[in-house]
PDB file of N, CA and C in Angstrom:
ATOM      1  N   UNK A   1       0.803  -1.192   0.043  1.00  0.00           N
ATOM      2  CA  UNK A   1       0.050  -0.003  -0.031  1.00  0.00           C
ATOM      3  C   UNK A   1       0.876   1.226  -0.047  1.00  0.00           C
ATOM      4  N   UNK A   2       0.428   2.298  -0.576  1.00  0.00           N
ATOM      5  CA  UNK A   2       1.144   3.567  -0.686  1.00  0.00           C
ATOM      6  C   UNK A   2       0.642   4.494   0.381  1.00  0.00           C
ATOM      7  N   UNK A   3       1.395   4.776   1.450  1.00  0.00           N
ATOM      8  CA  UNK A   3       0.948   5.653   2.550  1.00  0.00           C
ATOM      9  C   UNK A   3       1.502   7.004   2.203  1.00  0.00           C
ATOM     10  N   UNK A   4       0.605   8.066   2.239  1.00  0.00           N
ATOM     11  CA  UNK A   4       1.041   9.380   1.835  1.00  0.00           C
ATOM     12  C   UNK A   4       2.057   9.898   2.973  1.00  0.00           C
ATOM     13  N   UNK A   5       2.921  10.832   2.625  1.00  0.00           N
ATOM     14  CA  UNK A   5       3.858  11.430   3.555  1.00  0.00           C
ATOM     15  C   UNK A   5       3.451  12.729   4.004  1.00  0.00           C
ATOM     16  N   UNK A   6       2.417  13.341   3.443  1.00  0.00           N
ATOM     17  CA  UNK A   6       1.870  14.694   3.821  1.00  0.00           C
ATOM     18  C   UNK A   6       0.243  14.702   3.643  1.00  0.00           C
ATOM     19  N   UNK A   7      -0.314  15.620   4.289  1.00  0.00           N
ATOM     20  CA  UNK A   7      -1.697  15.959   4.085  1.00  0.00           C
ATOM     21  C   UNK A   7      -1.872  16.651   2.685  1.00  0.00           C
ATOM     22  N   UNK A   8      -3.004  16.277   1.958  1.00  0.00           N
ATOM     23  CA  UNK A   8      -3.202  17.032   0.661  1.00  0.00           C
ATOM     24  C   UNK A   8      -4.681  17.092   0.488  1.00  0.00           C
ATOM     25  N   UNK A   9      -5.314  18.217   0.113  1.00  0.00           N
ATOM     26  CA  UNK A   9      -6.657  18.318  -0.303  1.00  0.00           C
ATOM     27  C   UNK A   9      -6.647  18.670  -1.848  1.00  0.00           C
ATOM     28  N   UNK A  10      -7.183  17.806  -2.661  1.00  0.00           N
ATOM     29  CA  UNK A  10      -7.177  18.136  -4.048  1.00  0.00           C
ATOM     30  C   UNK A  10      -8.383  18.817  -4.534  1.00  0.00           C
ATOM     31  N   UNK A  11      -8.326  19.444  -5.733  1.00  0.00           N
ATOM     32  CA  UNK A  11      -9.462  20.168  -6.296  1.00  0.00           C
ATOM     33  C   UNK A  11     -10.470  19.195  -6.594  1.00  0.00           C
ATOM     34  N   UNK A  12     -11.714  19.477  -6.494  1.00  0.00           N
ATOM     35  CA  UNK A  12     -12.853  18.628  -6.767  1.00  0.00           C
ATOM     36  C   UNK A  12     -12.843  18.386  -8.268  1.00  0.00           C
ATOM     37  N   UNK A  13     -13.407  17.246  -8.724  1.00  0.00           N
ATOM     38  CA  UNK A  13     -13.600  16.894 -10.186  1.00  0.00           C
ATOM     39  C   UNK A  13     -14.901  16.349 -10.371  1.00  0.00           C
ATOM     40  N   UNK A  14     -15.706  16.649 -11.408  1.00  0.00           N
ATOM     41  CA  UNK A  14     -15.448  17.800 -12.185  1.00  0.00           C
ATOM     42  C   UNK A  14     -15.740  19.175 -11.508  1.00  0.00           C
ATOM     43  N   UNK A  15     -15.100  20.159 -11.979  1.00  0.00           N
ATOM     44  CA  UNK A  15     -15.400  21.550 -11.448  1.00  0.00           C
ATOM     45  C   UNK A  15     -15.316  22.527 -12.677  1.00  0.00           C
ATOM     46  N   UNK A  16     -16.350  23.165 -13.056  1.00  0.00           N
ATOM     47  CA  UNK A  16     -17.730  23.197 -12.450  1.00  0.00           C
ATOM     48  C   UNK A  16     -18.402  21.825 -12.532  1.00  0.00           C
ATOM     49  N   UNK A  17     -19.492  21.723 -11.536  1.00  0.00           N
ATOM     50  CA  UNK A  17     -20.116  20.455 -11.516  1.00  0.00           C
ATOM     51  C   UNK A  17     -21.690  20.628 -11.501  1.00  0.00           C
ATOM     52  N   UNK A  18     -22.469  19.507 -11.802  1.00  0.00           N
ATOM     53  CA  UNK A  18     -23.924  19.552 -11.738  1.00  0.00           C
ATOM     54  C   UNK A  18     -24.447  18.142 -11.876  1.00  0.00           C
ATOM     55  N   UNK A  19     -25.001  17.582 -10.879  1.00  0.00           N
ATOM     56  CA  UNK A  19     -25.021  17.971  -9.459  1.00  0.00           C
ATOM     57  C   UNK A  19     -23.967  17.297  -8.658  1.00  0.00           C
ATOM     58  N   UNK A  20     -23.207  16.391  -9.232  1.00  0.00           N
ATOM     59  CA  UNK A  20     -22.216  15.619  -8.491  1.00  0.00           C
ATOM     60  C   UNK A  20     -20.707  15.865  -8.729  1.00  0.00           C
ATOM     61  N   UNK A  21     -19.907  15.716  -7.749  1.00  0.00           N
ATOM     62  CA  UNK A  21     -18.450  15.998  -7.872  1.00  0.00           C
ATOM     63  C   UNK A  21     -17.758  15.091  -6.929  1.00  0.00           C
ATOM     64  N   UNK A  22     -16.471  14.846  -7.072  1.00  0.00           N
ATOM     65  CA  UNK A  22     -15.718  14.025  -6.208  1.00  0.00           C
ATOM     66  C   UNK A  22     -14.522  14.914  -5.638  1.00  0.00           C
ATOM     67  N   UNK A  23     -14.246  14.613  -4.307  1.00  0.00           N
ATOM     68  CA  UNK A  23     -13.220  15.327  -3.624  1.00  0.00           C
ATOM     69  C   UNK A  23     -12.232  14.207  -3.103  1.00  0.00           C
ATOM     70  N   UNK A  24     -11.015  14.377  -3.494  1.00  0.00           N
ATOM     71  CA  UNK A  24      -9.900  13.527  -2.987  1.00  0.00           C
ATOM     72  C   UNK A  24      -8.999  14.172  -1.987  1.00  0.00           C
ATOM     73  N   UNK A  25      -8.592  13.451  -1.044  1.00  0.00           N
ATOM     74  CA  UNK A  25      -7.563  13.899  -0.058  1.00  0.00           C
ATOM     75  C   UNK A  25      -6.752  12.763   0.488  1.00  0.00           C
ATOM     76  N   UNK A  26      -5.584  13.277   1.097  1.00  0.00           N
ATOM     77  CA  UNK A  26      -4.583  12.219   1.619  1.00  0.00           C
ATOM     78  C   UNK A  26      -4.294  12.567   2.971  1.00  0.00           C
ATOM     79  N   UNK A  27      -4.114  11.422   3.826  1.00  0.00           N
ATOM     80  CA  UNK A  27      -3.756  11.535   5.211  1.00  0.00           C
ATOM     81  C   UNK A  27      -2.568  10.752   5.465  1.00  0.00           C
ATOM     82  N   UNK A  28      -1.476  11.422   6.157  1.00  0.00           N
ATOM     83  CA  UNK A  28      -0.292  10.614   6.426  1.00  0.00           C
ATOM     84  C   UNK A  28      -0.329   9.841   7.648  1.00  0.00           C
ATOM     85  N   UNK A  29      -1.348  10.117   8.530  1.00  0.00           N
ATOM     86  CA  UNK A  29      -1.397   9.388   9.811  1.00  0.00           C
ATOM     87  C   UNK A  29      -2.908   9.221  10.257  1.00  0.00           C
ATOM     88  N   UNK A  30      -3.145   8.458  11.246  1.00  0.00           N
ATOM     89  CA  UNK A  30      -4.414   8.188  11.790  1.00  0.00           C
ATOM     90  C   UNK A  30      -4.877   9.478  12.561  1.00  0.00           C
ATOM     91  N   UNK A  31      -6.143   9.823  12.522  1.00  0.00           N
ATOM     92  CA  UNK A  31      -6.619  10.900  13.228  1.00  0.00           C
ATOM     93  C   UNK A  31      -8.095  11.244  12.927  1.00  0.00           C
ATOM     94  N   UNK A  32      -8.581  12.196  13.642  1.00  0.00           N
ATOM     95  CA  UNK A  32      -9.997  12.685  13.381  1.00  0.00           C
ATOM     96  C   UNK A  32      -9.961  13.587  12.156  1.00  0.00           C
ATOM     97  N   UNK A  33     -10.857  13.317  11.224  1.00  0.00           N
ATOM     98  CA  UNK A  33     -11.020  14.095   9.942  1.00  0.00           C
ATOM     99  C   UNK A  33     -12.362  14.683   9.828  1.00  0.00           C
ATOM    100  N   UNK A  34     -12.451  16.001   9.393  1.00  0.00           N
ATOM    101  CA  UNK A  34     -13.663  16.693   9.105  1.00  0.00           C
ATOM    102  C   UNK A  34     -13.631  17.241   7.688  1.00  0.00           C
ATOM    103  N   UNK A  35     -14.540  16.942   6.848  1.00  0.00           N
ATOM    104  CA  UNK A  35     -14.663  17.387   5.518  1.00  0.00           C
ATOM    105  C   UNK A  35     -16.008  17.989   5.390  1.00  0.00           C
ATOM    106  N   UNK A  36     -16.106  19.268   5.233  1.00  0.00           N
ATOM    107  CA  UNK A  36     -17.433  20.033   5.089  1.00  0.00           C
ATOM    108  C   UNK A  36     -17.525  20.921   3.900  1.00  0.00           C
ATOM    109  N   UNK A  37     -18.802  21.206   3.540  1.00  0.00           N
ATOM    110  CA  UNK A  37     -19.057  22.192   2.478  1.00  0.00           C
ATOM    111  C   UNK A  37     -19.825  23.320   2.979  1.00  0.00           C
ATOM    112  N   UNK A  38     -19.464  24.461   2.494  1.00  0.00           N
ATOM    113  CA  UNK A  38     -19.980  25.835   2.917  1.00  0.00           C
ATOM    114  C   UNK A  38     -20.416  26.630   1.804  1.00  0.00           C
ATOM    115  N   UNK A  39     -21.417  27.474   1.971  1.00  0.00           N
ATOM    116  CA  UNK A  39     -21.777  28.361   0.919  1.00  0.00           C
ATOM    117  C   UNK A  39     -20.880  29.659   1.004  1.00  0.00           C
ATOM    118  N   UNK A  40     -21.140  30.600   0.129  1.00  0.00           N
ATOM    119  CA  UNK A  40     -20.197  31.805   0.061  1.00  0.00           C
ATOM    120  C   UNK A  40     -20.421  32.680   1.296  1.00  0.00           C
ATOM    121  N   UNK A  41     -21.552  32.461   2.086  1.00  0.00           N
ATOM    122  CA  UNK A  41     -21.733  33.274   3.298  1.00  0.00           C
ATOM    123  C   UNK A  41     -21.156  32.614   4.516  1.00  0.00           C
ATOM    124  N   UNK A  42     -20.591  31.409   4.311  1.00  0.00           N
ATOM    125  CA  UNK A  42     -19.989  30.685   5.442  1.00  0.00           C
ATOM    126  C   UNK A  42     -20.888  29.754   6.231  1.00  0.00           C
ATOM    127  N   UNK A  43     -22.144  29.569   5.698  1.00  0.00           N
ATOM    128  CA  UNK A  43     -22.999  28.614   6.366  1.00  0.00           C
ATOM    129  C   UNK A  43     -22.661  27.207   5.901  1.00  0.00           C
ATOM    130  N   UNK A  44     -22.629  26.317   6.879  1.00  0.00           N
ATOM    131  CA  UNK A  44     -22.376  24.880   6.556  1.00  0.00           C
ATOM    132  C   UNK A  44     -23.576  24.299   5.716  1.00  0.00           C
ATOM    133  N   UNK A  45     -23.192  23.579   4.667  1.00  0.00           N
ATOM    134  CA  UNK A  45     -24.122  23.017   3.723  1.00  0.00           C
ATOM    135  C   UNK A  45     -24.274  21.486   3.885  1.00  0.00           C
ATOM    136  N   UNK A  46     -23.123  20.903   4.043  1.00  0.00           N
ATOM    137  CA  UNK A  46     -23.039  19.425   4.089  1.00  0.00           C
ATOM    138  C   UNK A  46     -21.923  18.987   4.943  1.00  0.00           C
ATOM    139  N   UNK A  47     -21.937  17.954   5.626  1.00  0.00           N
ATOM    140  CA  UNK A  47     -20.843  17.311   6.293  1.00  0.00           C
ATOM    141  C   UNK A  47     -20.642  16.024   5.586  1.00  0.00           C
ATOM    142  N   UNK A  48     -19.445  15.922   4.947  1.00  0.00           N
ATOM    143  CA  UNK A  48     -19.118  14.717   4.143  1.00  0.00           C
ATOM    144  C   UNK A  48     -18.358  13.666   4.973  1.00  0.00           C
ATOM    145  N   UNK A  49     -17.503  14.096   5.821  1.00  0.00           N
ATOM    146  CA  UNK A  49     -16.702  13.212   6.717  1.00  0.00           C
ATOM    147  C   UNK A  49     -16.626  13.866   8.045  1.00  0.00           C
ATOM    148  N   UNK A  50     -16.856  13.126   9.142  1.00  0.00           N
ATOM    149  CA  UNK A  50     -16.795  13.584  10.460  1.00  0.00           C
ATOM    150  C   UNK A  50     -16.316  12.411  11.389  1.00  0.00           C
ATOM    151  N   UNK A  51     -15.138  11.775  11.251  1.00  0.00           N
ATOM    152  CA  UNK A  51     -14.794  10.629  12.003  1.00  0.00           C
ATOM    153  C   UNK A  51     -13.309  10.393  11.891  1.00  0.00           C
ATOM    154  N   UNK A  52     -12.784   9.490  12.694  1.00  0.00           N
ATOM    155  CA  UNK A  52     -11.374   9.107  12.686  1.00  0.00           C
ATOM    156  C   UNK A  52     -11.186   8.247  11.461  1.00  0.00           C
ATOM    157  N   UNK A  53      -9.987   8.450  10.804  1.00  0.00           N
ATOM    158  CA  UNK A  53      -9.652   7.721   9.624  1.00  0.00           C
ATOM    159  C   UNK A  53      -8.126   7.347   9.672  1.00  0.00           C
ATOM    160  N   UNK A  54      -7.784   6.261   9.093  1.00  0.00           N
ATOM    161  CA  UNK A  54      -6.396   5.791   9.039  1.00  0.00           C
ATOM    162  C   UNK A  54      -5.625   6.489   7.931  1.00  0.00           C
ATOM    163  N   UNK A  55      -4.392   6.424   7.900  1.00  0.00           N
ATOM    164  CA  UNK A  55      -3.585   7.093   6.907  1.00  0.00           C
ATOM    165  C   UNK A  55      -3.951   6.415   5.509  1.00  0.00           C
ATOM    166  N   UNK A  56      -3.901   7.206   4.467  1.00  0.00           N
ATOM    167  CA  UNK A  56      -4.218   6.656   3.107  1.00  0.00           C
ATOM    168  C   UNK A  56      -4.810   7.794   2.284  1.00  0.00           C
ATOM    169  N   UNK A  57      -5.241   7.314   1.065  1.00  0.00           N
ATOM    170  CA  UNK A  57      -5.819   8.146   0.104  1.00  0.00           C
ATOM    171  C   UNK A  57      -7.441   7.924   0.068  1.00  0.00           C
ATOM    172  N   UNK A  58      -8.116   9.005   0.052  1.00  0.00           N
ATOM    173  CA  UNK A  58      -9.585   8.906   0.077  1.00  0.00           C
ATOM    174  C   UNK A  58     -10.255   9.724  -1.012  1.00  0.00           C
ATOM    175  N   UNK A  59     -11.491   9.265  -1.385  1.00  0.00           N
ATOM    176  CA  UNK A  59     -12.342   9.963  -2.370  1.00  0.00           C
ATOM    177  C   UNK A  59     -13.742  10.000  -1.717  1.00  0.00           C
ATOM    178  N   UNK A  60     -14.365  11.260  -1.772  1.00  0.00           N
ATOM    179  CA  UNK A  60     -15.731  11.353  -1.237  1.00  0.00           C
ATOM    180  C   UNK A  60     -16.468  12.053  -2.314  1.00  0.00           C
ATOM    181  N   UNK A  61     -17.703  11.486  -2.581  1.00  0.00           N
ATOM    182  CA  UNK A  61     -18.641  12.101  -3.528  1.00  0.00           C
ATOM    183  C   UNK A  61     -19.539  13.048  -2.906  1.00  0.00           C
ATOM    184  N   UNK A  62     -19.791  14.216  -3.516  1.00  0.00           N
ATOM    185  CA  UNK A  62     -20.723  15.175  -3.043  1.00  0.00           C
ATOM    186  C   UNK A  62     -21.841  15.430  -4.154  1.00  0.00           C
ATOM    187  N   UNK A  63     -23.069  15.374  -3.656  1.00  0.00           N
ATOM    188  CA  UNK A  63     -24.176  15.550  -4.492  1.00  0.00           C
ATOM    189  C   UNK A  63     -24.856  16.762  -4.026  1.00  0.00           C
ATOM    190  N   UNK A  64     -25.071  17.925  -4.956  1.00  0.00           N
ATOM    191  CA  UNK A  64     -25.658  19.067  -4.499  1.00  0.00           C
ATOM    192  C   UNK A  64     -27.183  18.925  -4.215  1.00  0.00           C
ATOM    193  N   UNK A  65     -27.752  17.771  -4.587  1.00  0.00           N
ATOM    194  CA  UNK A  65     -29.120  17.594  -4.144  1.00  0.00           C
ATOM    195  C   UNK A  65     -29.312  16.922  -2.835  1.00  0.00           C
ATOM    196  N   UNK A  66     -28.164  16.575  -2.132  1.00  0.00           N
ATOM    197  CA  UNK A  66     -28.325  15.896  -0.924  1.00  0.00           C
ATOM    198  C   UNK A  66     -27.509  16.809   0.188  1.00  0.00           C
ATOM    199  N   UNK A  67     -28.117  17.721   0.736  1.00  0.00           N
ATOM    200  CA  UNK A  67     -27.399  18.631   1.711  1.00  0.00           C
ATOM    201  C   UNK A  67     -27.847  18.279   3.114  1.00  0.00           C
ATOM    202  N   UNK A  68     -27.280  18.944   4.115  1.00  0.00           N
ATOM    203  CA  UNK A  68     -27.708  18.596   5.449  1.00  0.00           C
ATOM    204  C   UNK A  68     -29.255  19.024   5.708  1.00  0.00           C
ATOM    205  N   UNK A  69     -29.695  20.064   5.042  1.00  0.00           N
ATOM    206  CA  UNK A  69     -31.156  20.415   5.219  1.00  0.00           C
ATOM    207  C   UNK A  69     -32.137  19.676   4.242  1.00  0.00           C
ATOM    208  N   UNK A  70     -31.534  18.865   3.378  1.00  0.00           N
ATOM    209  CA  UNK A  70     -32.343  18.076   2.423  1.00  0.00           C
ATOM    210  C   UNK A  70     -32.842  18.903   1.351  1.00  0.00           C
ATOM    211  N   UNK A  71     -32.204  20.065   0.986  1.00  0.00           N
ATOM    212  CA  UNK A  71     -32.731  20.885  -0.177  1.00  0.00           C
ATOM    213  C   UNK A  71     -31.571  20.939  -1.256  1.00  0.00           C
ATOM    214  N   UNK A  72     -32.061  21.126  -2.442  1.00  0.00           N
ATOM    215  CA  UNK A  72     -31.099  21.333  -3.565  1.00  0.00           C
ATOM    216  C   UNK A  72     -30.379  22.615  -3.518  1.00  0.00           C
ATOM    217  N   UNK A  73     -29.170  22.709  -3.852  1.00  0.00           N
ATOM    218  CA  UNK A  73     -28.432  23.907  -3.951  1.00  0.00           C
ATOM    219  C   UNK A  73     -28.619  24.663  -5.192  1.00  0.00           C
ATOM    220  N   UNK A  74     -28.633  26.007  -5.153  1.00  0.00           N
ATOM    221  CA  UNK A  74     -28.530  26.758  -6.317  1.00  0.00           C
ATOM    222  C   UNK A  74     -27.237  26.965  -6.923  1.00  0.00           C
ATOM    223  N   UNK A  75     -27.196  27.449  -8.160  1.00  0.00           N
ATOM    224  CA  UNK A  75     -25.965  27.674  -8.841  1.00  0.00           C
ATOM    225  C   UNK A  75     -25.170  28.660  -8.010  1.00  0.00           C
ATOM    226  N   UNK A  76     -23.786  28.498  -7.987  1.00  0.00           N
ATOM    227  CA  UNK A  76     -22.946  29.424  -7.202  1.00  0.00           C
ATOM    228  C   UNK A  76     -21.568  28.940  -6.855  1.00  0.00           C
ATOM    229  N   UNK A  77     -20.889  29.602  -5.980  1.00  0.00           N
ATOM    230  CA  UNK A  77     -19.624  29.296  -5.538  1.00  0.00           C
ATOM    231  C   UNK A  77     -19.790  28.650  -4.188  1.00  0.00           C
ATOM    232  N   UNK A  78     -19.092  27.561  -3.979  1.00  0.00           N
ATOM    233  CA  UNK A  78     -19.154  26.800  -2.630  1.00  0.00           C
ATOM    234  C   UNK A  78     -17.762  26.425  -2.240  1.00  0.00           C
ATOM    235  N   UNK A  79     -17.541  26.347  -0.989  1.00  0.00           N
ATOM    236  CA  UNK A  79     -16.244  26.007  -0.433  1.00  0.00           C
ATOM    237  C   UNK A  79     -16.235  24.694   0.309  1.00  0.00           C
ATOM    238  N   UNK A  80     -15.127  23.934   0.209  1.00  0.00           N
ATOM    239  CA  UNK A  80     -15.081  22.700   1.044  1.00  0.00           C
ATOM    240  C   UNK A  80     -13.733  22.714   1.806  1.00  0.00           C
ATOM    241  N   UNK A  81     -13.868  22.332   3.111  1.00  0.00           N
ATOM    242  CA  UNK A  81     -12.655  22.403   3.918  1.00  0.00           C
ATOM    243  C   UNK A  81     -12.361  21.021   4.552  1.00  0.00           C
ATOM    244  N   UNK A  82     -11.096  20.739   4.642  1.00  0.00           N
ATOM    245  CA  UNK A  82     -10.615  19.532   5.309  1.00  0.00           C
ATOM    246  C   UNK A  82      -9.789  19.949   6.554  1.00  0.00           C
ATOM    247  N   UNK A  83     -10.232  19.295   7.647  1.00  0.00           N
ATOM    248  CA  UNK A  83      -9.481  19.543   8.920  1.00  0.00           C
ATOM    249  C   UNK A  83      -8.989  18.119   9.460  1.00  0.00           C
ATOM    250  N   UNK A  84      -7.762  18.112   9.820  1.00  0.00           N
ATOM    251  CA  UNK A  84      -7.128  16.916  10.391  1.00  0.00           C
ATOM    252  C   UNK A  84      -5.944  17.163  11.172  1.00  0.00           C
ATOM    253  N   UNK A  85      -5.799  16.766  12.351  1.00  0.00           N
ATOM    254  CA  UNK A  85      -4.689  17.100  13.207  1.00  0.00           C
ATOM    255  C   UNK A  85      -4.510  18.606  13.187  1.00  0.00           C
ATOM    256  N   UNK A  86      -3.296  19.151  12.892  1.00  0.00           N
ATOM    257  CA  UNK A  86      -2.972  20.520  12.805  1.00  0.00           C
ATOM    258  C   UNK A  86      -3.138  21.063  11.322  1.00  0.00           C
ATOM    259  N   UNK A  87      -3.781  20.302  10.414  1.00  0.00           N
ATOM    260  CA  UNK A  87      -3.946  20.664   8.994  1.00  0.00           C
ATOM    261  C   UNK A  87      -5.351  21.182   8.750  1.00  0.00           C
ATOM    262  N   UNK A  88      -5.251  22.280   8.088  1.00  0.00           N
ATOM    263  CA  UNK A  88      -6.593  22.895   7.527  1.00  0.00           C
ATOM    264  C   UNK A  88      -6.448  23.407   6.126  1.00  0.00           C
ATOM    265  N   UNK A  89      -7.326  23.099   5.218  1.00  0.00           N
ATOM    266  CA  UNK A  89      -7.206  23.630   3.858  1.00  0.00           C
ATOM    267  C   UNK A  89      -8.704  23.700   3.321  1.00  0.00           C
ATOM    268  N   UNK A  90      -8.813  24.812   2.576  1.00  0.00           N
ATOM    269  CA  UNK A  90     -10.134  25.052   2.014  1.00  0.00           C
ATOM    270  C   UNK A  90      -9.916  25.224   0.438  1.00  0.00           C
ATOM    271  N   UNK A  91     -10.863  24.753  -0.265  1.00  0.00           N
ATOM    272  CA  UNK A  91     -10.867  24.948  -1.825  1.00  0.00           C
ATOM    273  C   UNK A  91     -12.218  25.435  -2.221  1.00  0.00           C
ATOM    274  N   UNK A  92     -12.234  26.024  -3.424  1.00  0.00           N
ATOM    275  CA  UNK A  92     -13.475  26.564  -3.996  1.00  0.00           C
ATOM    276  C   UNK A  92     -13.968  25.633  -5.125  1.00  0.00           C
ATOM    277  N   UNK A  93     -15.337  25.474  -5.197  1.00  0.00           N
ATOM    278  CA  UNK A  93     -15.920  24.720  -6.337  1.00  0.00           C
ATOM    279  C   UNK A  93     -17.132  25.558  -6.838  1.00  0.00           C
ATOM    280  N   UNK A  94     -17.516  25.224  -8.027  1.00  0.00           N
ATOM    281  CA  UNK A  94     -18.556  25.931  -8.751  1.00  0.00           C
ATOM    282  C   UNK A  94     -19.619  25.042  -9.136  1.00  0.00           C
ATOM    283  N   UNK A  95     -20.830  25.301  -8.759  1.00  0.00           N
ATOM    284  CA  UNK A  95     -22.090  24.558  -9.144  1.00  0.00           C
ATOM    285  C   UNK A  95     -22.796  25.372 -10.148  1.00  0.00           C
ATOM    286  N   UNK A  96     -23.016  24.808 -11.390  1.00  0.00           N
ATOM    287  CA  UNK A  96     -23.698  25.416 -12.555  1.00  0.00           C
ATOM    288  C   UNK A  96     -24.879  24.577 -12.873  1.00  0.00           C
ATOM    289  N   UNK A  97     -26.099  25.132 -12.901  1.00  0.00           N
ATOM    290  CA  UNK A  97     -27.211  24.358 -13.324  1.00  0.00           C
ATOM    291  C   UNK A  97     -27.756  24.799 -14.626  1.00  0.00           C
TER     292      UNK A  97
END
């Protein structure tokens, strides 16, 4: 197995997306991981990961029709954040309908 030697949050693909996209990230060690999606006002839209994970490479699918509130998202800019250990990174994605 290929164990990463650093944290990494990759750009979602495809981007722009409608309604689904994938987010990949790497963890060099075991720990608690949080991957969340926010709108441009900073409100949390979806929690994709909120658990302890082993080191490795991960892929999570996000569907704009399946949010925390159970409503469809409108076209616009959204942000996703990865937090693990002392690492935090955010990236931008674009939903076009």
